[in-house]
């Protein structure tokens, strides 16, 4: 399940999102790490996703 969720997020966040009112100066594509659960039935049901970016806006 975690890998399916990660794949869906990766597709939607692969490129920087289009925004109104703010600028995205830098954007790093998402990365994911999946870990095993000690219970074999829950193998790879835990994951961590990261996305980095520099956002510019005016107040």
N, C-alpha and C. Protein backbone atom coordinates (compact mmCIF):
# COMPACT_ATOMS: atom_id res chain seq x y z
N UNK A 1 0.83 -1.19 0.00
CA UNK A 1 0.00 0.00 0.00
C UNK A 1 0.88 1.26 0.00
N UNK A 2 1.93 1.28 0.81
CA UNK A 2 2.78 2.47 0.87
C UNK A 2 3.44 2.75 -0.48
N UNK A 3 3.84 1.72 -1.18
CA UNK A 3 4.47 1.92 -2.49
C UNK A 3 3.46 2.45 -3.51
N UNK A 4 2.23 2.02 -3.43
CA UNK A 4 1.21 2.53 -4.34
C UNK A 4 0.93 4.01 -4.07
N UNK A 5 0.86 4.38 -2.80
CA UNK A 5 0.66 5.78 -2.43
C UNK A 5 1.87 6.60 -2.88
N UNK A 6 3.08 6.10 -2.64
CA UNK A 6 4.29 6.79 -3.06
C UNK A 6 4.34 6.99 -4.57
N UNK A 7 3.92 5.99 -5.33
CA UNK A 7 3.90 6.11 -6.79
C UNK A 7 2.92 7.19 -7.23
N UNK A 8 1.75 7.23 -6.62
CA UNK A 8 0.76 8.27 -6.97
C UNK A 8 1.29 9.66 -6.63
N UNK A 9 1.92 9.80 -5.49
CA UNK A 9 2.50 11.10 -5.12
C UNK A 9 3.64 11.49 -6.05
N UNK A 10 4.45 10.53 -6.41
CA UNK A 10 5.57 10.80 -7.30
C UNK A 10 5.09 11.33 -8.65
N UNK A 11 4.03 10.74 -9.19
CA UNK A 11 3.48 11.20 -10.47
C UNK A 11 2.97 12.63 -10.34
N UNK A 12 2.25 12.92 -9.27
CA UNK A 12 1.66 14.25 -9.13
C UNK A 12 2.69 15.32 -8.76
N UNK A 13 3.79 14.95 -8.13
CA UNK A 13 4.80 15.92 -7.71
C UNK A 13 6.09 15.85 -8.53
N UNK A 14 6.09 15.12 -9.66
CA UNK A 14 7.33 14.93 -10.43
C UNK A 14 7.89 16.28 -10.89
N UNK A 15 7.03 17.15 -11.38
CA UNK A 15 7.46 18.50 -11.76
C UNK A 15 6.90 19.49 -10.75
N UNK A 16 7.54 20.65 -10.67
CA UNK A 16 7.10 21.67 -9.72
C UNK A 16 5.65 22.05 -9.99
N UNK A 17 4.85 22.19 -8.94
CA UNK A 17 3.44 22.55 -9.13
C UNK A 17 3.30 23.95 -9.72
N UNK A 18 2.26 24.16 -10.52
CA UNK A 18 1.95 25.49 -11.06
C UNK A 18 1.25 26.28 -9.96
N UNK A 19 1.69 27.52 -9.74
CA UNK A 19 1.14 28.32 -8.66
C UNK A 19 0.76 29.71 -9.16
N UNK A 20 -0.13 30.35 -8.44
CA UNK A 20 -0.50 31.75 -8.66
C UNK A 20 -0.09 32.53 -7.43
N UNK A 21 0.68 33.59 -7.61
CA UNK A 21 1.03 34.45 -6.49
C UNK A 21 2.36 34.14 -5.84
N UNK A 22 2.94 33.00 -6.11
CA UNK A 22 4.27 32.67 -5.58
C UNK A 22 5.11 32.10 -6.71
N UNK A 23 6.42 32.19 -6.56
CA UNK A 23 7.32 31.62 -7.55
C UNK A 23 8.11 30.48 -6.92
N UNK A 24 8.37 29.46 -7.69
CA UNK A 24 9.20 28.35 -7.21
C UNK A 24 10.53 28.47 -7.93
N UNK A 25 11.58 28.89 -7.18
CA UNK A 25 12.88 29.14 -7.77
C UNK A 25 13.69 27.85 -7.94
N UNK A 26 13.59 26.94 -7.01
CA UNK A 26 14.29 25.66 -7.10
C UNK A 26 13.32 24.56 -6.69
N UNK A 27 13.47 23.40 -7.29
CA UNK A 27 12.57 22.29 -6.98
C UNK A 27 13.33 20.99 -7.17
N UNK A 28 13.27 20.13 -6.18
CA UNK A 28 13.88 18.81 -6.26
C UNK A 28 12.78 17.77 -6.36
N UNK A 29 12.91 16.90 -7.31
CA UNK A 29 11.88 15.85 -7.50
C UNK A 29 11.79 14.98 -6.26
N UNK A 30 10.61 14.40 -6.03
CA UNK A 30 10.40 13.64 -4.79
C UNK A 30 11.25 12.38 -4.71
N UNK A 31 11.58 12.04 -3.47
CA UNK A 31 12.28 10.79 -3.19
C UNK A 31 11.52 10.05 -2.10
N UNK A 32 11.59 8.74 -2.14
CA UNK A 32 10.85 7.93 -1.18
C UNK A 32 11.74 6.83 -0.63
N UNK A 33 11.50 6.49 0.63
CA UNK A 33 12.15 5.36 1.28
C UNK A 33 11.06 4.51 1.92
N UNK A 34 11.15 3.22 1.75
CA UNK A 34 10.16 2.30 2.31
C UNK A 34 10.85 1.34 3.26
N UNK A 35 10.21 1.08 4.38
CA UNK A 35 10.82 0.21 5.39
C UNK A 35 9.93 -1.00 5.66
N UNK A 36 10.56 -2.03 6.15
CA UNK A 36 9.84 -3.24 6.48
C UNK A 36 9.24 -3.15 7.88
N UNK A 37 8.13 -3.78 8.05
CA UNK A 37 7.51 -3.94 9.35
C UNK A 37 7.89 -5.33 9.84
N UNK A 38 8.11 -5.52 11.14
CA UNK A 38 8.44 -6.86 11.63
C UNK A 38 7.37 -7.90 11.31
N UNK A 39 6.13 -7.46 11.15
CA UNK A 39 5.05 -8.38 10.79
C UNK A 39 5.09 -8.61 9.28
N UNK A 40 5.32 -9.86 8.82
CA UNK A 40 5.43 -10.13 7.38
C UNK A 40 4.21 -9.71 6.57
N UNK A 41 3.04 -9.70 7.16
CA UNK A 41 1.84 -9.28 6.43
C UNK A 41 1.82 -7.78 6.16
N UNK A 42 2.65 -7.05 6.88
CA UNK A 42 2.70 -5.59 6.69
C UNK A 42 4.00 -5.15 6.05
N UNK A 43 4.65 -6.04 5.34
CA UNK A 43 5.93 -5.70 4.71
C UNK A 43 5.75 -4.49 3.79
N UNK A 44 6.65 -3.56 3.90
CA UNK A 44 6.68 -2.34 3.09
C UNK A 44 5.40 -1.52 3.17
N UNK A 45 4.78 -1.45 4.35
CA UNK A 45 3.59 -0.60 4.48
C UNK A 45 3.93 0.73 5.13
N UNK A 46 5.21 1.00 5.34
CA UNK A 46 5.65 2.27 5.91
C UNK A 46 6.55 2.96 4.89
N UNK A 47 6.38 4.26 4.75
CA UNK A 47 7.21 4.99 3.81
C UNK A 47 7.38 6.44 4.23
N UNK A 48 8.45 7.05 3.71
CA UNK A 48 8.74 8.46 3.96
C UNK A 48 9.01 9.10 2.61
N UNK A 49 8.35 10.23 2.35
CA UNK A 49 8.56 10.96 1.11
C UNK A 49 9.14 12.33 1.40
N UNK A 50 10.02 12.80 0.51
CA UNK A 50 10.63 14.12 0.67
C UNK A 50 10.55 14.89 -0.65
N UNK A 51 10.31 16.18 -0.53
CA UNK A 51 10.33 17.12 -1.66
C UNK A 51 10.96 18.39 -1.13
N UNK A 52 11.87 18.98 -1.91
CA UNK A 52 12.51 20.22 -1.48
C UNK A 52 12.28 21.29 -2.53
N UNK A 53 12.11 22.52 -2.07
CA UNK A 53 11.93 23.63 -2.99
C UNK A 53 12.20 24.96 -2.32
N UNK A 54 12.46 25.95 -3.14
CA UNK A 54 12.63 27.32 -2.67
C UNK A 54 11.46 28.11 -3.25
N UNK A 55 10.64 28.67 -2.35
CA UNK A 55 9.45 29.39 -2.77
C UNK A 55 9.61 30.88 -2.47
N UNK A 56 9.24 31.71 -3.43
CA UNK A 56 9.36 33.16 -3.30
C UNK A 56 7.96 33.76 -3.35
N UNK A 57 7.67 34.65 -2.40
CA UNK A 57 6.37 35.33 -2.41
C UNK A 57 6.53 36.72 -1.81
N UNK A 58 5.53 37.58 -2.02
CA UNK A 58 5.52 38.93 -1.46
C UNK A 58 4.40 39.01 -0.44
N UNK A 59 4.66 39.76 0.62
CA UNK A 59 3.63 39.96 1.65
C UNK A 59 2.98 41.30 1.43
